[in-house]
Protein backbone atom coordinates (compact mmCIF):
# COMPACT_ATOMS: atom_id res chain seq x y z
CA MET A 1 5.77 -3.75 -6.34
CA ALA A 2 7.39 -4.64 -3.05
CA LEU A 3 5.70 -1.67 -1.39
CA LEU A 4 2.29 -2.93 -2.49
CA LYS A 5 3.17 -6.42 -1.24
CA TRP A 6 4.00 -5.05 2.21
CA ALA A 7 0.76 -3.06 2.24
CA LEU A 8 -1.20 -6.24 1.51
CA ILE A 9 0.68 -8.14 4.23
CA ALA A 10 -0.14 -5.41 6.76
CA LEU A 11 -3.78 -5.53 5.63
CA VAL A 12 -3.95 -9.30 6.18
CA ILE A 13 -2.36 -8.92 9.62
CA SER A 14 -4.92 -6.23 10.44
CA VAL A 15 -7.86 -8.41 9.40
CA LEU A 16 -6.56 -11.44 11.30
CA ALA A 17 -5.85 -9.38 14.42
CA GLY A 18 -9.35 -7.92 14.28
CA ALA A 19 -10.87 -11.37 13.90
CA PHE A 20 -9.04 -12.61 16.99
CA GLY A 21 -9.85 -9.51 19.05
CA TYR A 22 -6.44 -7.82 19.13
CA THR A 23 -7.81 -4.33 18.49
CA ARG A 24 -4.63 -2.36 19.20
CA LEU A 25 -2.63 -4.48 16.77
CA GLU A 26 -5.44 -4.25 14.24
CA HIS A 27 -5.50 -0.44 14.31
CA GLY A 28 -1.73 -0.21 14.00
CA ALA A 29 -1.53 -2.64 11.11
CA ALA A 30 -4.45 -0.94 9.34
CA LYS A 31 -2.72 2.45 9.59
CA ILE A 32 0.49 0.98 8.20
CA ALA A 33 -1.36 -0.73 5.36
CA LYS A 34 -3.18 2.47 4.44
CA LEU A 35 0.01 4.53 4.54
CA LEU A 36 1.97 2.07 2.38
CA PHE A 37 -0.87 1.83 -0.13
CA PHE A 38 -1.13 5.58 -0.57
CA VAL A 39 2.65 5.94 -0.88
CA PHE A 40 2.58 3.23 -3.57
CA LEU A 41 -0.30 4.99 -5.33
CA LEU A 42 1.50 8.35 -5.23
CA ILE A 43 4.73 6.89 -6.63
CA PHE A 44 2.78 5.04 -9.35
CA VAL A 45 0.95 8.20 -10.46
CA LEU A 46 4.16 10.25 -10.47
CA ILE A 47 5.96 7.67 -12.61
CA LEU A 48 2.96 7.43 -14.93
CA ILE A 49 2.86 11.22 -15.40
CA ALA A 50 6.62 11.36 -15.96
CA ALA A 51 6.41 8.62 -18.58
CA VAL A 52 3.54 10.32 -20.44
CA LEU A 53 5.26 13.69 -20.40
CA GLY A 54 8.54 12.11 -21.47
CA GLY A 55 6.94 10.29 -24.38
CA GLU A 56 8.15 6.86 -23.26
CA ALA A 57 6.03 3.73 -23.61
CA ILE A 58 5.21 1.90 -20.39
CA LEU A 59 5.39 -1.86 -20.69
């Protein structure tokens, strides 16, 4: 969950930077947020598939 938290922090930084006109910072933070989110999503799906194939319950 820490990865998702960092993605959300980068997203907030991107939105705030865009609102204040710091476009370079905004683009960089948006790229980082998108990358972290998709890495989190990939890890989540892989763990979900492994749990289903292994027959374990996810709580």
